[in-house]
Amino acid sequence: MAPRRESIVYCLTRDHELAAQLDARLGAALTFFYNDAARLHQALILRAPALAIVDTDAIRPEFGDAGLGPVIHFLRLRAPEMRIGVRPKSAADWLVGAEAGREVTMLPAEREACIEAVVELCGCG
């Protein structure tokens, strides 16, 4: 019998509480957290995960990120089969959904609901 492979999850966020709670809940996955898109890009070049979570609060145009669209585009180019979840800012889900595109899963903005949605999306809680 072949050994079971662990799921790999990358998460772009600056929300420390979200990261800690996801790390605890995604016990069956190897979860890596990044606080800027450049680090996420570097990791993706080395190894593609099964799932990437992008928290829009971590997208900071003043540090060179052009916005959510280019981040999602890069993720799709490097790992077309990877599932992508996007956590919008509160009350901005319609705008974020339009920028992210149809091929992503929109996550709830509220932290607890977001964590539950990520656990379900990952299937590794």
C-alpha atoms as a PDB file:
ATOM      1  CA  MET A   1       0.000   0.000   0.000  1.00  0.00           C
ATOM      2  CA  ALA A   2       1.378   3.392  -0.999  1.00  0.00           C
ATOM      3  CA  PRO A   3       1.763   5.950   1.821  1.00  0.00           C
ATOM      4  CA  ARG A   4      -0.963   8.582   1.981  1.00  0.00           C
ATOM      5  CA  ARG A   5       0.234  11.940   0.664  1.00  0.00           C
ATOM      6  CA  GLU A   6      -0.559  14.970   2.754  1.00  0.00           C
ATOM      7  CA  SER A   7      -2.350  17.855   1.113  1.00  0.00           C
ATOM      8  CA  ILE A   8      -0.343  21.040   0.783  1.00  0.00           C
ATOM      9  CA  VAL A   9      -2.085  24.353   1.414  1.00  0.00           C
ATOM     10  CA  TYR A  10      -0.606  27.816   0.861  1.00  0.00           C
ATOM     11  CA  CYS A  11      -2.285  30.772   2.520  1.00  0.00           C
ATOM     12  CA  LEU A  12      -1.580  34.430   1.772  1.00  0.00           C
ATOM     13  CA  THR A  13      -2.739  36.394   4.826  1.00  0.00           C
ATOM     14  CA  ARG A  14      -1.687  38.958   7.393  1.00  0.00           C
ATOM     15  CA  ASP A  15      -4.398  37.859   9.829  1.00  0.00           C
ATOM     16  CA  HIS A  16      -2.430  36.075  12.571  1.00  0.00           C
ATOM     17  CA  GLU A  17      -5.543  34.718  14.264  1.00  0.00           C
ATOM     18  CA  LEU A  18      -6.834  33.283  10.985  1.00  0.00           C
ATOM     19  CA  ALA A  19      -3.462  31.646  10.375  1.00  0.00           C
ATOM     20  CA  ALA A  20      -3.271  30.118  13.857  1.00  0.00           C
ATOM     21  CA  GLN A  21      -6.806  28.757  13.683  1.00  0.00           C
ATOM     22  CA  LEU A  22      -6.361  27.370  10.163  1.00  0.00           C
ATOM     23  CA  ASP A  23      -3.115  25.718  11.205  1.00  0.00           C
ATOM     24  CA  ALA A  24      -4.927  24.012  14.078  1.00  0.00           C
ATOM     25  CA  ARG A  25      -7.937  22.969  11.985  1.00  0.00           C
ATOM     26  CA  LEU A  26      -6.104  21.714   8.895  1.00  0.00           C
ATOM     27  CA  GLY A  27      -4.318  19.004  10.836  1.00  0.00           C
ATOM     28  CA  ALA A  28      -4.143  16.552   7.940  1.00  0.00           C
ATOM     29  CA  ALA A  29      -2.501  19.126   5.646  1.00  0.00           C
ATOM     30  CA  LEU A  30       0.906  20.748   5.415  1.00  0.00           C
ATOM     31  CA  THR A  31      -0.074  24.402   5.623  1.00  0.00           C
ATOM     32  CA  PHE A  32       2.294  27.261   4.819  1.00  0.00           C
ATOM     33  CA  PHE A  33       1.481  30.902   5.492  1.00  0.00           C
ATOM     34  CA  TYR A  34       2.843  33.894   3.587  1.00  0.00           C
ATOM     35  CA  ASN A  35       2.384  37.573   4.330  1.00  0.00           C
ATOM     36  CA  ASP A  36       3.064  38.926   0.854  1.00  0.00           C
ATOM     37  CA  ALA A  37       2.433  37.808  -2.698  1.00  0.00           C
ATOM     38  CA  ALA A  38       6.138  37.690  -3.605  1.00  0.00           C
ATOM     39  CA  ARG A  39       6.812  34.981  -1.015  1.00  0.00           C
ATOM     40  CA  LEU A  40       3.750  33.050  -2.178  1.00  0.00           C
ATOM     41  CA  HIS A  41       5.064  33.260  -5.758  1.00  0.00           C
ATOM     42  CA  GLN A  42       8.475  31.941  -4.691  1.00  0.00           C
ATOM     43  CA  ALA A  43       6.917  28.990  -2.894  1.00  0.00           C
ATOM     44  CA  LEU A  44       4.657  28.193  -5.831  1.00  0.00           C
ATOM     45  CA  ILE A  45       7.634  28.052  -8.180  1.00  0.00           C
ATOM     46  CA  LEU A  46       9.201  25.384  -5.959  1.00  0.00           C
ATOM     47  CA  ARG A  47       6.094  23.276  -5.359  1.00  0.00           C
ATOM     48  CA  ALA A  48       2.431  23.631  -6.242  1.00  0.00           C
ATOM     49  CA  PRO A  49      -0.075  23.034  -3.456  1.00  0.00           C
ATOM     50  CA  ALA A  50      -3.478  21.387  -3.727  1.00  0.00           C
ATOM     51  CA  LEU A  51      -5.109  24.568  -2.439  1.00  0.00           C
ATOM     52  CA  ALA A  52      -4.210  28.248  -2.161  1.00  0.00           C
ATOM     53  CA  ILE A  53      -6.088  30.703   0.032  1.00  0.00           C
ATOM     54  CA  VAL A  54      -5.762  34.416  -0.730  1.00  0.00           C
ATOM     55  CA  ASP A  55      -6.898  36.893   1.919  1.00  0.00           C
ATOM     56  CA  THR A  56      -7.474  40.201   0.133  1.00  0.00           C
ATOM     57  CA  ASP A  57      -6.209  42.103   3.178  1.00  0.00           C
ATOM     58  CA  ALA A  58      -2.754  40.749   2.290  1.00  0.00           C
ATOM     59  CA  ILE A  59      -2.800  42.370  -1.169  1.00  0.00           C
ATOM     60  CA  ARG A  60      -0.917  45.648  -0.762  1.00  0.00           C
ATOM     61  CA  PRO A  61      -0.533  47.742  -3.922  1.00  0.00           C
ATOM     62  CA  GLU A  62       1.881  50.184  -2.291  1.00  0.00           C
ATOM     63  CA  PHE A  63       4.447  47.366  -1.977  1.00  0.00           C
ATOM     64  CA  GLY A  64       4.282  46.391  -5.627  1.00  0.00           C
ATOM     65  CA  ASP A  65       1.299  44.034  -5.787  1.00  0.00           C
ATOM     66  CA  ALA A  66      -0.861  45.304  -8.605  1.00  0.00           C
ATOM     67  CA  GLY A  67      -3.972  43.838  -6.997  1.00  0.00           C
ATOM     68  CA  LEU A  68      -5.838  40.580  -6.687  1.00  0.00           C
ATOM     69  CA  GLY A  69      -6.164  39.915 -10.420  1.00  0.00           C
ATOM     70  CA  PRO A  70      -2.425  39.493 -11.080  1.00  0.00           C
ATOM     71  CA  VAL A  71      -2.009  37.263  -8.001  1.00  0.00           C
ATOM     72  CA  ILE A  72      -4.809  34.950  -9.151  1.00  0.00           C
ATOM     73  CA  HIS A  73      -3.439  34.994 -12.705  1.00  0.00           C
ATOM     74  CA  PHE A  74       0.020  33.934 -11.507  1.00  0.00           C
ATOM     75  CA  LEU A  75      -1.458  31.142  -9.376  1.00  0.00           C
ATOM     76  CA  ARG A  76      -3.425  29.867 -12.376  1.00  0.00           C
ATOM     77  CA  LEU A  77      -0.385  30.001 -14.667  1.00  0.00           C
ATOM     78  CA  ARG A  78       1.840  28.059 -12.287  1.00  0.00           C
ATOM     79  CA  ALA A  79      -0.745  25.503 -11.098  1.00  0.00           C
ATOM     80  CA  PRO A  80      -3.837  25.343 -13.316  1.00  0.00           C
ATOM     81  CA  GLU A  81      -5.369  22.414 -11.396  1.00  0.00           C
ATOM     82  CA  MET A  82      -4.949  23.996  -7.958  1.00  0.00           C
ATOM     83  CA  ARG A  83      -8.079  25.066  -6.100  1.00  0.00           C
ATOM     84  CA  ILE A  84      -8.100  28.713  -5.043  1.00  0.00           C
ATOM     85  CA  GLY A  85     -10.153  30.294  -2.284  1.00  0.00           C
ATOM     86  CA  VAL A  86     -10.408  34.062  -1.836  1.00  0.00           C
ATOM     87  CA  ARG A  87     -11.390  35.797   1.411  1.00  0.00           C
ATOM     88  CA  PRO A  88     -12.715  39.289   0.603  1.00  0.00           C
ATOM     89  CA  LYS A  89     -12.886  42.265   2.891  1.00  0.00           C
ATOM     90  CA  SER A  90     -16.261  42.598   4.530  1.00  0.00           C
ATOM     91  CA  ALA A  91     -18.941  43.953   2.158  1.00  0.00           C
ATOM     92  CA  ALA A  92     -16.601  43.804  -0.845  1.00  0.00           C
ATOM     93  CA  ASP A  93     -17.320  40.236  -1.955  1.00  0.00           C
ATOM     94  CA  TRP A  94     -19.074  41.259  -5.177  1.00  0.00           C
ATOM     95  CA  LEU A  95     -16.139  43.416  -6.268  1.00  0.00           C
ATOM     96  CA  VAL A  96     -13.536  40.846  -5.251  1.00  0.00           C
ATOM     97  CA  GLY A  97     -15.460  38.089  -7.010  1.00  0.00           C
ATOM     98  CA  ALA A  98     -15.429  40.093 -10.230  1.00  0.00           C
ATOM     99  CA  GLU A  99     -11.677  40.713 -10.020  1.00  0.00           C
ATOM    100  CA  ALA A 100     -10.775  37.149  -8.994  1.00  0.00           C
ATOM    101  CA  GLY A 101     -12.825  35.480 -11.722  1.00  0.00           C
ATOM    102  CA  ARG A 102     -15.181  32.538 -11.898  1.00  0.00           C
ATOM    103  CA  GLU A 103     -12.610  29.847 -11.221  1.00  0.00           C
ATOM    104  CA  VAL A 104     -12.107  30.679  -7.542  1.00  0.00           C
ATOM    105  CA  THR A 105     -14.156  29.856  -4.489  1.00  0.00           C
ATOM    106  CA  MET A 106     -15.329  32.936  -2.645  1.00  0.00           C
ATOM    107  CA  LEU A 107     -14.889  32.489   1.095  1.00  0.00           C
ATOM    108  CA  PRO A 108     -16.785  34.354   3.816  1.00  0.00           C
ATOM    109  CA  ALA A 109     -15.126  37.516   5.120  1.00  0.00           C
ATOM    110  CA  GLU A 110     -15.969  36.697   8.746  1.00  0.00           C
ATOM    111  CA  ARG A 111     -13.063  34.753  10.307  1.00  0.00           C
ATOM    112  CA  GLU A 112     -14.910  31.777  11.838  1.00  0.00           C
ATOM    113  CA  ALA A 113     -17.060  31.212   8.768  1.00  0.00           C
ATOM    114  CA  CYS A 114     -13.958  31.518   6.564  1.00  0.00           C
ATOM    115  CA  ILE A 115     -12.139  28.858   8.589  1.00  0.00           C
ATOM    116  CA  GLU A 116     -15.077  26.460   8.273  1.00  0.00           C
ATOM    117  CA  ALA A 117     -15.258  27.080   4.518  1.00  0.00           C
ATOM    118  CA  VAL A 118     -11.506  26.459   4.090  1.00  0.00           C
ATOM    119  CA  VAL A 119     -11.706  23.207   6.077  1.00  0.00           C
ATOM    120  CA  GLU A 120     -14.543  22.070   3.823  1.00  0.00           C
ATOM    121  CA  LEU A 121     -12.747  23.197   0.644  1.00  0.00           C
ATOM    122  CA  CYS A 122      -9.570  21.413   1.681  1.00  0.00           C
ATOM    123  CA  GLY A 123     -11.300  18.250   2.810  1.00  0.00           C
ATOM    124  CA  CYS A 124      -8.476  17.764   5.298  1.00  0.00           C
ATOM    125  CA  GLY A 125      -9.814  19.036   8.613  1.00  0.00           C
END
